[in-house]
Amino acid sequence: MSLSRGIGCKEKRPVSEKERKDMKRTRLKDKGFTLVEIMVSMAISSLVIAGIYGVYTIQQRSYTVQEQVSEMQQRIRSALDFMTRNIRMAGYDPSGVCSSDFITANPDELVFDVCERRTGVPEYRITLQYNASTGQLDVTRDANRTGSATSMPLAEGVDAFLFSYRDDQGKVTTSL
């Protein structure tokens, strides 16, 4: 019976001088990168980084614009809600005592009194005024109804605004 060698065992044989030099050269070749390889990898990396930066700046600008549009729409919604609530209260007088009504109605200005709900006494005067030169819609809430209160901007950056008045049939009118 003969003994065989185990699986995976290699037999060592003497290495010639030529093979030793070839192995040494191969190891020296594989130690690092050449200058050309480094330059090519830097060029590719810089192109990738420039592309990422370009996408980032475009996204940042888009985000800023969307944020400004959203803020403007929220201001408009808030201004319209304020105007709607207060205009609907003009002339509301369940007691029949208050003489609240529209005081002035122009294409760029609306002035009206709002009465206290329980007593019917005029509580304050609201003035809504659009200034085309500044693009601003101002509101004045005058508690004394004397016209001495200071106005505050209700909406800014308004390109155009027009109060339109209609009669019972829905036709545009200039009379109060």
N, C-alpha and C. Protein backbone atom coordinates (compact mmCIF):
# COMPACT_ATOMS: atom_id res chain seq x y z
N MET A 1 0.85 -1.16 0.00
CA MET A 1 0.00 0.00 0.00
C MET A 1 0.90 1.22 0.00
N SER A 2 0.59 2.19 -0.88
CA SER A 2 1.42 3.39 -0.97
C SER A 2 0.72 4.56 -0.29
N LEU A 3 1.49 5.41 0.26
CA LEU A 3 0.93 6.61 0.90
C LEU A 3 0.87 7.74 -0.12
N SER A 4 -0.25 8.38 -0.15
CA SER A 4 -0.37 9.52 -1.07
C SER A 4 -0.33 10.81 -0.26
N ARG A 5 0.03 11.84 -0.91
CA ARG A 5 0.08 13.13 -0.23
C ARG A 5 -1.33 13.65 -0.02
N GLY A 6 -1.53 14.52 0.99
CA GLY A 6 -2.84 15.11 1.27
C GLY A 6 -3.26 16.09 0.19
N ILE A 7 -4.53 16.28 0.12
CA ILE A 7 -5.06 17.19 -0.89
C ILE A 7 -4.66 18.61 -0.52
N GLY A 8 -4.26 19.38 -1.47
CA GLY A 8 -3.92 20.78 -1.25
C GLY A 8 -2.47 21.00 -0.85
N CYS A 9 -1.71 20.00 -0.67
CA CYS A 9 -0.31 20.19 -0.30
C CYS A 9 0.49 20.37 -1.57
N LYS A 10 1.39 21.33 -1.53
CA LYS A 10 2.23 21.57 -2.70
C LYS A 10 3.64 21.10 -2.39
N GLU A 11 4.20 20.70 -3.41
CA GLU A 11 5.57 20.26 -3.28
C GLU A 11 6.47 21.44 -3.55
N LYS A 12 7.42 21.71 -2.67
CA LYS A 12 8.33 22.82 -2.89
C LYS A 12 9.44 22.38 -3.82
N ARG A 13 9.71 23.25 -4.74
CA ARG A 13 10.80 22.97 -5.67
C ARG A 13 11.72 24.17 -5.67
N PRO A 14 12.89 23.99 -5.98
CA PRO A 14 13.82 25.12 -6.00
C PRO A 14 13.44 26.10 -7.10
N VAL A 15 13.57 27.45 -6.77
CA VAL A 15 13.23 28.51 -7.72
C VAL A 15 14.52 28.96 -8.38
N SER A 16 14.43 29.12 -9.69
CA SER A 16 15.62 29.53 -10.42
C SER A 16 15.86 31.04 -10.22
N GLU A 17 17.03 31.48 -10.54
CA GLU A 17 17.40 32.89 -10.40
C GLU A 17 16.57 33.77 -11.30
N LYS A 18 16.25 33.35 -12.47
CA LYS A 18 15.44 34.12 -13.42
C LYS A 18 14.02 34.30 -12.89
N GLU A 19 13.46 33.24 -12.35
CA GLU A 19 12.12 33.33 -11.79
C GLU A 19 12.10 34.27 -10.59
N ARG A 20 13.13 34.26 -9.81
CA ARG A 20 13.22 35.13 -8.64
C ARG A 20 13.25 36.60 -9.08
N LYS A 21 13.99 36.96 -10.10
CA LYS A 21 14.06 38.33 -10.60
C LYS A 21 12.71 38.77 -11.18
N ASP A 22 12.05 37.88 -11.90
CA ASP A 22 10.73 38.20 -12.48
C ASP A 22 9.70 38.48 -11.37
N MET A 23 9.73 37.67 -10.32
CA MET A 23 8.80 37.87 -9.21
C MET A 23 9.10 39.20 -8.51
N LYS A 24 10.37 39.55 -8.38
CA LYS A 24 10.74 40.80 -7.73
C LYS A 24 10.26 41.98 -8.56
N ARG A 25 10.45 41.93 -9.88
CA ARG A 25 9.99 42.99 -10.77
C ARG A 25 8.47 43.13 -10.73
N THR A 26 7.79 42.03 -10.68
CA THR A 26 6.33 42.06 -10.62
C THR A 26 5.87 42.72 -9.33
N ARG A 27 6.49 42.41 -8.24
CA ARG A 27 6.13 43.03 -6.97
C ARG A 27 6.42 44.53 -6.99
N LEU A 28 7.52 44.96 -7.55
CA LEU A 28 7.84 46.38 -7.62
C LEU A 28 6.85 47.13 -8.50
N LYS A 29 6.38 46.51 -9.56
CA LYS A 29 5.42 47.14 -10.46
C LYS A 29 4.09 47.38 -9.75
N ASP A 30 3.68 46.47 -8.91
CA ASP A 30 2.36 46.54 -8.28
C ASP A 30 2.34 47.34 -6.99
N LYS A 31 3.41 48.04 -6.65
CA LYS A 31 3.44 48.74 -5.38
C LYS A 31 2.63 50.02 -5.35
N GLY A 32 2.39 50.75 -6.43
CA GLY A 32 1.69 52.02 -6.40
C GLY A 32 1.06 52.38 -7.73
N PHE A 33 0.63 53.66 -7.81
CA PHE A 33 -0.01 54.15 -9.01
C PHE A 33 0.98 55.00 -9.79
N THR A 34 0.79 55.02 -11.08
CA THR A 34 1.63 55.88 -11.90
C THR A 34 1.04 57.29 -11.90
N LEU A 35 1.82 58.24 -12.32
CA LEU A 35 1.38 59.64 -12.37
C LEU A 35 0.19 59.80 -13.32
N VAL A 36 0.20 59.09 -14.41
CA VAL A 36 -0.91 59.16 -15.37
C VAL A 36 -2.20 58.64 -14.73
N GLU A 37 -2.10 57.55 -14.00
CA GLU A 37 -3.29 57.00 -13.34
C GLU A 37 -3.85 57.98 -12.32
N ILE A 38 -3.00 58.63 -11.56
CA ILE A 38 -3.44 59.61 -10.57
C ILE A 38 -4.09 60.80 -11.26
N MET A 39 -3.50 61.29 -12.33
CA MET A 39 -4.06 62.44 -13.05
C MET A 39 -5.43 62.10 -13.65
N VAL A 40 -5.57 60.93 -14.20
CA VAL A 40 -6.85 60.52 -14.78
C VAL A 40 -7.91 60.40 -13.68
N SER A 41 -7.56 59.80 -12.56
CA SER A 41 -8.53 59.65 -11.48
C SER A 41 -8.90 61.01 -10.88
N MET A 42 -7.94 61.94 -10.81
CA MET A 42 -8.27 63.29 -10.32
C MET A 42 -9.18 64.02 -11.28
N ALA A 43 -8.96 63.87 -12.57
CA ALA A 43 -9.82 64.53 -13.56
C ALA A 43 -11.24 63.98 -13.48
N ILE A 44 -11.38 62.69 -13.39
CA ILE A 44 -12.72 62.08 -13.29
C ILE A 44 -13.39 62.50 -11.99
N SER A 45 -12.63 62.51 -10.90
CA SER A 45 -13.20 62.92 -9.60
C SER A 45 -13.65 64.37 -9.62
N SER A 46 -12.86 65.24 -10.23
CA SER A 46 -13.25 66.65 -10.29
C SER A 46 -14.49 66.85 -11.14
N LEU A 47 -14.65 66.09 -12.22
CA LEU A 47 -15.87 66.18 -13.03
C LEU A 47 -17.09 65.71 -12.23
N VAL A 48 -16.95 64.65 -11.48
CA VAL A 48 -18.06 64.15 -10.66
C VAL A 48 -18.42 65.16 -9.58
N ILE A 49 -17.43 65.72 -8.92
CA ILE A 49 -17.68 66.72 -7.87
C ILE A 49 -18.32 67.97 -8.46
N ALA A 50 -17.85 68.42 -9.61
CA ALA A 50 -18.45 69.60 -10.27
C ALA A 50 -19.91 69.33 -10.63
N GLY A 51 -20.21 68.14 -11.10
CA GLY A 51 -21.59 67.78 -11.41
C GLY A 51 -22.47 67.76 -10.18
N ILE A 52 -21.97 67.20 -9.10
CA ILE A 52 -22.73 67.16 -7.84
C ILE A 52 -22.97 68.58 -7.34
N TYR A 53 -21.96 69.44 -7.41
CA TYR A 53 -22.11 70.82 -6.95
C TYR A 53 -23.13 71.57 -7.82
N GLY A 54 -23.09 71.35 -9.13
CA GLY A 54 -24.06 71.98 -10.03
C GLY A 54 -25.49 71.57 -9.70
N VAL A 55 -25.71 70.31 -9.47
CA VAL A 55 -27.04 69.82 -9.11
C VAL A 55 -27.47 70.42 -7.77
N TYR A 56 -26.54 70.49 -6.83
CA TYR A 56 -26.84 71.06 -5.51
C TYR A 56 -27.27 72.52 -5.62
N THR A 57 -26.53 73.33 -6.38
CA THR A 57 -26.88 74.75 -6.50
C THR A 57 -28.22 74.93 -7.20
N ILE A 58 -28.50 74.14 -8.21
CA ILE A 58 -29.80 74.23 -8.89
C ILE A 58 -30.92 73.87 -7.92
N GLN A 59 -30.75 72.82 -7.14
CA GLN A 59 -31.76 72.42 -6.18
C GLN A 59 -31.94 73.48 -5.10
N GLN A 60 -30.86 74.12 -4.68
CA GLN A 60 -30.94 75.16 -3.66
C GLN A 60 -31.72 76.36 -4.18
N ARG A 61 -31.47 76.77 -5.40
CA ARG A 61 -32.22 77.88 -6.00
C ARG A 61 -33.69 77.52 -6.14
N SER A 62 -33.96 76.33 -6.60
CA SER A 62 -35.34 75.88 -6.76
C SER A 62 -36.06 75.88 -5.42
N TYR A 63 -35.40 75.41 -4.38
CA TYR A 63 -35.99 75.40 -3.05
C TYR A 63 -36.30 76.81 -2.58
N THR A 64 -35.37 77.74 -2.80
CA THR A 64 -35.57 79.13 -2.38
C THR A 64 -36.76 79.75 -3.11
N VAL A 65 -36.85 79.52 -4.40
CA VAL A 65 -37.97 80.08 -5.18
C VAL A 65 -39.29 79.48 -4.71
N GLN A 66 -39.33 78.18 -4.49
CA GLN A 66 -40.56 77.53 -4.03
C GLN A 66 -40.96 78.04 -2.65
N GLU A 67 -39.98 78.29 -1.80
CA GLU A 67 -40.26 78.81 -0.47
C GLU A 67 -40.86 80.22 -0.56
N GLN A 68 -40.32 81.04 -1.45
CA GLN A 68 -40.84 82.40 -1.62
C GLN A 68 -42.26 82.37 -2.18
N VAL A 69 -42.52 81.50 -3.14
CA VAL A 69 -43.86 81.38 -3.72
C VAL A 69 -44.84 80.91 -2.65
N SER A 70 -44.44 79.94 -1.86
CA SER A 70 -45.30 79.43 -0.80
C SER A 70 -45.61 80.51 0.23
N GLU A 71 -44.59 81.29 0.59
CA GLU A 71 -44.79 82.37 1.56
C GLU A 71 -45.74 83.43 1.01
N MET A 72 -45.57 83.76 -0.27
CA MET A 72 -46.45 84.75 -0.90
C MET A 72 -47.89 84.25 -0.94
N GLN A 73 -48.08 82.99 -1.30
CA GLN A 73 -49.43 82.44 -1.35
C GLN A 73 -50.06 82.42 0.04
N GLN A 74 -49.27 82.14 1.07
CA GLN A 74 -49.80 82.14 2.43
C GLN A 74 -50.21 83.54 2.85
N ARG A 75 -49.40 84.54 2.48
CA ARG A 75 -49.77 85.93 2.79
C ARG A 75 -51.07 86.33 2.09
N ILE A 76 -51.21 85.93 0.84
CA ILE A 76 -52.43 86.26 0.09
C ILE A 76 -53.63 85.59 0.74
N ARG A 77 -53.48 84.31 1.10
CA ARG A 77 -54.57 83.60 1.76
C ARG A 77 -54.97 84.29 3.06
N SER A 78 -53.97 84.69 3.83
CA SER A 78 -54.23 85.36 5.10
C SER A 78 -54.93 86.70 4.88
N ALA A 79 -54.47 87.47 3.91
CA ALA A 79 -55.08 88.77 3.62
C ALA A 79 -56.52 88.60 3.15
N LEU A 80 -56.76 87.65 2.26
CA LEU A 80 -58.12 87.42 1.77
C LEU A 80 -59.04 86.92 2.88
N ASP A 81 -58.51 86.08 3.76
CA ASP A 81 -59.31 85.60 4.88
C ASP A 81 -59.67 86.75 5.82
N PHE A 82 -58.70 87.61 6.11
CA PHE A 82 -58.95 88.77 6.96
C PHE A 82 -60.02 89.67 6.33
N MET A 83 -59.86 89.95 5.04
CA MET A 83 -60.82 90.82 4.35
C MET A 83 -62.20 90.18 4.31
N THR A 84 -62.27 88.92 4.02
CA THR A 84 -63.55 88.22 3.93
C THR A 84 -64.29 88.27 5.26
N ARG A 85 -63.59 87.92 6.33
CA ARG A 85 -64.23 87.93 7.65
C ARG A 85 -64.75 89.31 8.02
N ASN A 86 -63.94 90.34 7.81
CA ASN A 86 -64.33 91.68 8.21
C ASN A 86 -65.39 92.28 7.29
N ILE A 87 -65.32 92.04 6.01
CA ILE A 87 -66.34 92.58 5.09
C ILE A 87 -67.68 91.91 5.36
N ARG A 88 -67.66 90.62 5.67
CA ARG A 88 -68.93 89.94 5.98
C ARG A 88 -69.56 90.49 7.26
N MET A 89 -68.74 90.97 8.17
CA MET A 89 -69.27 91.53 9.41
C MET A 89 -69.80 92.96 9.23
N ALA A 90 -69.43 93.62 8.14
CA ALA A 90 -69.93 94.97 7.89
C ALA A 90 -71.43 94.90 7.67
N GLY A 91 -72.14 95.68 8.40
CA GLY A 91 -73.59 95.69 8.27
C GLY A 91 -74.29 94.62 9.08
N TYR A 92 -73.53 93.73 9.73
CA TYR A 92 -74.15 92.70 10.57
C TYR A 92 -74.64 93.36 11.85
N ASP A 93 -75.93 93.36 12.06
CA ASP A 93 -76.52 94.02 13.23
C ASP A 93 -77.77 93.27 13.64
N PRO A 94 -77.60 92.21 14.43
CA PRO A 94 -78.79 91.44 14.83
C PRO A 94 -79.71 92.24 15.74
N SER A 95 -79.19 93.27 16.43
CA SER A 95 -80.04 94.05 17.35
C SER A 95 -80.81 95.14 16.62
N GLY A 96 -80.38 95.50 15.42
CA GLY A 96 -81.07 96.55 14.67
C GLY A 96 -80.73 97.94 15.16
N VAL A 97 -79.74 98.09 16.01
CA VAL A 97 -79.39 99.37 16.60
C VAL A 97 -78.25 100.04 15.83
N CYS A 98 -77.30 99.26 15.38
CA CYS A 98 -76.08 99.79 14.77
C CYS A 98 -76.36 100.31 13.36
N SER A 99 -75.70 101.37 13.04
CA SER A 99 -75.84 101.92 11.70
C SER A 99 -74.58 101.65 10.90
N SER A 100 -73.99 100.48 11.11
CA SER A 100 -72.76 100.18 10.40
C SER A 100 -73.07 99.93 8.94
N ASP A 101 -72.26 100.47 8.13
CA ASP A 101 -72.43 100.31 6.70
C ASP A 101 -71.12 100.69 6.04
N PHE A 102 -71.08 100.60 4.74
CA PHE A 102 -69.89 101.01 4.00
C PHE A 102 -69.83 102.54 4.00
N ILE A 103 -68.71 103.08 4.36
CA ILE A 103 -68.51 104.52 4.41
C ILE A 103 -68.00 105.02 3.06
N THR A 104 -66.94 104.39 2.56
CA THR A 104 -66.34 104.75 1.28
C THR A 104 -66.12 103.49 0.47
N ALA A 105 -66.42 103.57 -0.81
CA ALA A 105 -66.19 102.43 -1.69
C ALA A 105 -65.63 102.94 -3.00
N ASN A 106 -64.33 102.87 -3.15
CA ASN A 106 -63.63 103.27 -4.38
C ASN A 106 -62.95 102.03 -4.95
N PRO A 107 -62.47 102.11 -6.19
CA PRO A 107 -61.77 100.94 -6.75
C PRO A 107 -60.52 100.54 -5.97
N ASP A 108 -59.88 101.49 -5.28
CA ASP A 108 -58.66 101.15 -4.53
C ASP A 108 -58.80 101.32 -3.02
N GLU A 109 -60.02 101.59 -2.53
CA GLU A 109 -60.21 101.78 -1.10
C GLU A 109 -61.61 101.34 -0.68
N LEU A 110 -61.68 100.77 0.51
CA LEU A 110 -62.95 100.35 1.08
C LEU A 110 -62.92 100.69 2.57
N VAL A 111 -63.91 101.45 3.04
CA VAL A 111 -63.99 101.85 4.44
C VAL A 111 -65.37 101.46 4.96
N PHE A 112 -65.40 100.78 6.12
CA PHE A 112 -66.68 100.36 6.70
C PHE A 112 -66.54 100.22 8.21
N ASP A 113 -67.67 100.30 8.88
CA ASP A 113 -67.72 100.13 10.33
C ASP A 113 -68.16 98.71 10.66
N VAL A 114 -67.64 98.21 11.78
CA VAL A 114 -68.04 96.90 12.28
C VAL A 114 -68.62 97.12 13.67
N CYS A 115 -69.85 96.60 13.89
CA CYS A 115 -70.53 96.80 15.17
C CYS A 115 -70.24 95.67 16.14
N GLU A 116 -70.36 95.97 17.41
CA GLU A 116 -70.23 94.97 18.47
C GLU A 116 -71.44 94.05 18.37
N ARG A 117 -71.25 92.78 18.47
CA ARG A 117 -72.30 91.80 18.20
C ARG A 117 -73.48 91.87 19.18
N ARG A 118 -73.20 92.07 20.45
CA ARG A 118 -74.28 92.02 21.43
C ARG A 118 -75.01 93.35 21.59
N THR A 119 -74.26 94.44 21.62
CA THR A 119 -74.90 95.73 21.89
C THR A 119 -75.31 96.47 20.63
N GLY A 120 -74.67 96.18 19.50
CA GLY A 120 -75.00 96.87 18.26
C GLY A 120 -74.32 98.21 18.13
N VAL A 121 -73.42 98.55 19.04
CA VAL A 121 -72.69 99.82 18.99
C VAL A 121 -71.53 99.66 18.01
N PRO A 122 -71.32 100.65 17.12
CA PRO A 122 -70.16 100.55 16.23
C PRO A 122 -68.87 100.41 17.04
N GLU A 123 -68.13 99.35 16.78
CA GLU A 123 -66.96 99.02 17.59
C GLU A 123 -65.68 99.60 17.01
N TYR A 124 -65.48 99.46 15.71
CA TYR A 124 -64.28 99.98 15.07
C TYR A 124 -64.53 100.18 13.58
N ARG A 125 -63.63 100.91 12.95
CA ARG A 125 -63.73 101.19 11.51
C ARG A 125 -62.54 100.53 10.82
N ILE A 126 -62.83 99.83 9.75
CA ILE A 126 -61.80 99.16 8.95
C ILE A 126 -61.62 99.94 7.65
N THR A 127 -60.38 100.20 7.31
CA THR A 127 -60.04 100.80 6.02
C THR A 127 -59.09 99.86 5.30
N LEU A 128 -59.49 99.43 4.12
CA LEU A 128 -58.63 98.61 3.26
C LEU A 128 -58.25 99.50 2.08
N GLN A 129 -56.95 99.65 1.84
CA GLN A 129 -56.51 100.56 0.80
C GLN A 129 -55.34 99.95 0.04
N TYR A 130 -55.44 100.02 -1.28
CA TYR A 130 -54.37 99.50 -2.15
C TYR A 130 -53.56 100.67 -2.67
N ASN A 131 -52.24 100.60 -2.48
CA ASN A 131 -51.33 101.62 -2.96
C ASN A 131 -50.56 101.02 -4.13
N ALA A 132 -50.89 101.44 -5.36
CA ALA A 132 -50.28 100.86 -6.56
C ALA A 132 -48.80 101.20 -6.69
N SER A 133 -48.39 102.37 -6.19
CA SER A 133 -46.99 102.77 -6.32
C SER A 133 -46.06 101.89 -5.48
N THR A 134 -46.52 101.44 -4.32
CA THR A 134 -45.70 100.57 -3.47
C THR A 134 -46.07 99.09 -3.62
N GLY A 135 -47.19 98.81 -4.28
CA GLY A 135 -47.64 97.42 -4.42
C GLY A 135 -48.04 96.83 -3.09
N GLN A 136 -48.68 97.64 -2.26
CA GLN A 136 -49.00 97.21 -0.91
C GLN A 136 -50.48 97.40 -0.62
N LEU A 137 -51.07 96.41 0.01
CA LEU A 137 -52.45 96.49 0.47
C LEU A 137 -52.39 96.75 1.98
N ASP A 138 -52.90 97.93 2.38
CA ASP A 138 -52.83 98.33 3.79
C ASP A 138 -54.18 98.18 4.46
N VAL A 139 -54.15 97.93 5.76
CA VAL A 139 -55.36 97.85 6.56
C VAL A 139 -55.20 98.77 7.77
N THR A 140 -56.27 99.46 8.08
CA THR A 140 -56.30 100.30 9.27
C THR A 140 -57.50 99.87 10.09
N ARG A 141 -57.27 99.58 11.34
CA ARG A 141 -58.36 99.24 12.26
C ARG A 141 -58.42 100.36 13.29
N ASP A 142 -59.39 101.23 13.11
CA ASP A 142 -59.52 102.44 13.91
C ASP A 142 -60.59 102.22 14.98
N ALA A 143 -60.17 102.07 16.23
CA ALA A 143 -61.11 101.82 17.32
C ALA A 143 -61.98 103.03 17.63
N ASN A 144 -61.46 104.23 17.43
CA ASN A 144 -62.23 105.45 17.73
C ASN A 144 -63.05 105.93 16.53
N ARG A 145 -62.81 105.33 15.37
CA ARG A 145 -63.49 105.69 14.12
C ARG A 145 -63.27 107.17 13.78
N THR A 146 -62.08 107.67 14.05
CA THR A 146 -61.76 109.07 13.77
C THR A 146 -60.80 109.22 12.61
N GLY A 147 -60.24 108.13 12.13
CA GLY A 147 -59.27 108.19 11.04
C GLY A 147 -57.86 108.48 11.52
N SER A 148 -57.62 108.37 12.82
CA SER A 148 -56.30 108.70 13.37
C SER A 148 -55.41 107.47 13.57
N ALA A 149 -55.91 106.29 13.32
CA ALA A 149 -55.11 105.07 13.53
C ALA A 149 -54.08 104.91 12.41
N THR A 150 -53.01 104.23 12.72
CA THR A 150 -51.97 104.00 11.71
C THR A 150 -52.29 102.73 10.93
N SER A 151 -51.93 102.75 9.67
CA SER A 151 -52.20 101.59 8.83
C SER A 151 -51.03 100.61 8.90
N MET A 152 -51.35 99.37 8.65
CA MET A 152 -50.36 98.30 8.63
C MET A 152 -50.47 97.57 7.30
N PRO A 153 -49.35 97.07 6.79
CA PRO A 153 -49.43 96.32 5.53
C PRO A 153 -50.14 94.98 5.74
N LEU A 154 -51.13 94.74 4.92
CA LEU A 154 -51.84 93.47 4.96
C LEU A 154 -51.21 92.49 3.98
N ALA A 155 -50.80 93.02 2.83
CA ALA A 155 -50.12 92.19 1.82
C ALA A 155 -49.14 93.09 1.07
N GLU A 156 -47.96 92.56 0.79
CA GLU A 156 -46.93 93.31 0.06
C GLU A 156 -46.64 92.60 -1.25
N GLY A 157 -46.11 93.35 -2.22
CA GLY A 157 -45.77 92.78 -3.51
C GLY A 157 -46.99 92.48 -4.36
N VAL A 158 -48.06 93.23 -4.16
CA VAL A 158 -49.29 93.02 -4.92
C VAL A 158 -49.16 93.77 -6.24
N ASP A 159 -49.33 93.08 -7.35
CA ASP A 159 -49.20 93.73 -8.67
C ASP A 159 -50.43 94.55 -9.02
N ALA A 160 -51.60 94.04 -8.71
CA ALA A 160 -52.84 94.75 -9.02
C ALA A 160 -53.91 94.32 -8.04
N PHE A 161 -54.78 95.28 -7.69
CA PHE A 161 -55.87 94.98 -6.77
C PHE A 161 -57.00 95.94 -7.09
N LEU A 162 -58.23 95.45 -7.09
CA LEU A 162 -59.37 96.29 -7.44
C LEU A 162 -60.58 95.82 -6.64
N PHE A 163 -61.19 96.75 -5.94
CA PHE A 163 -62.45 96.45 -5.27
C PHE A 163 -63.56 96.63 -6.30
N SER A 164 -64.41 95.65 -6.42
CA SER A 164 -65.53 95.72 -7.36
C SER A 164 -66.82 95.54 -6.56
N TYR A 165 -67.80 96.41 -6.82
CA TYR A 165 -69.04 96.41 -6.06
C TYR A 165 -70.19 96.02 -6.97
N ARG A 166 -71.09 95.20 -6.43
CA ARG A 166 -72.21 94.70 -7.24
C ARG A 166 -73.52 94.97 -6.52
N ASP A 167 -74.58 95.14 -7.32
CA ASP A 167 -75.90 95.36 -6.73
C ASP A 167 -76.60 94.02 -6.51
N ASP A 168 -77.88 94.06 -6.20
CA ASP A 168 -78.63 92.83 -5.91
C ASP A 168 -78.71 91.88 -7.10
N GLN A 169 -78.67 92.41 -8.29
CA GLN A 169 -78.72 91.57 -9.50
C GLN A 169 -77.34 91.08 -9.93
N GLY A 170 -76.29 91.49 -9.22
CA GLY A 170 -74.94 91.06 -9.55
C GLY A 170 -74.25 91.94 -10.56
N LYS A 171 -74.85 93.08 -10.91
CA LYS A 171 -74.23 94.01 -11.86
C LYS A 171 -73.28 94.94 -11.12
N VAL A 172 -72.17 95.30 -11.78
CA VAL A 172 -71.19 96.20 -11.18
C VAL A 172 -71.84 97.58 -10.98
N THR A 173 -71.61 98.15 -9.80
CA THR A 173 -72.18 99.47 -9.48
C THR A 173 -71.15 100.31 -8.74
N THR A 174 -71.35 101.62 -8.76
CA THR A 174 -70.47 102.52 -8.01
C THR A 174 -71.16 103.09 -6.80
N SER A 175 -72.44 102.91 -6.70
CA SER A 175 -73.18 103.45 -5.54
C SER A 175 -73.09 102.47 -4.37
N LEU A 176 -73.08 103.03 -3.18
CA LEU A 176 -73.01 102.20 -1.98
C LEU A 176 -74.37 101.62 -1.69
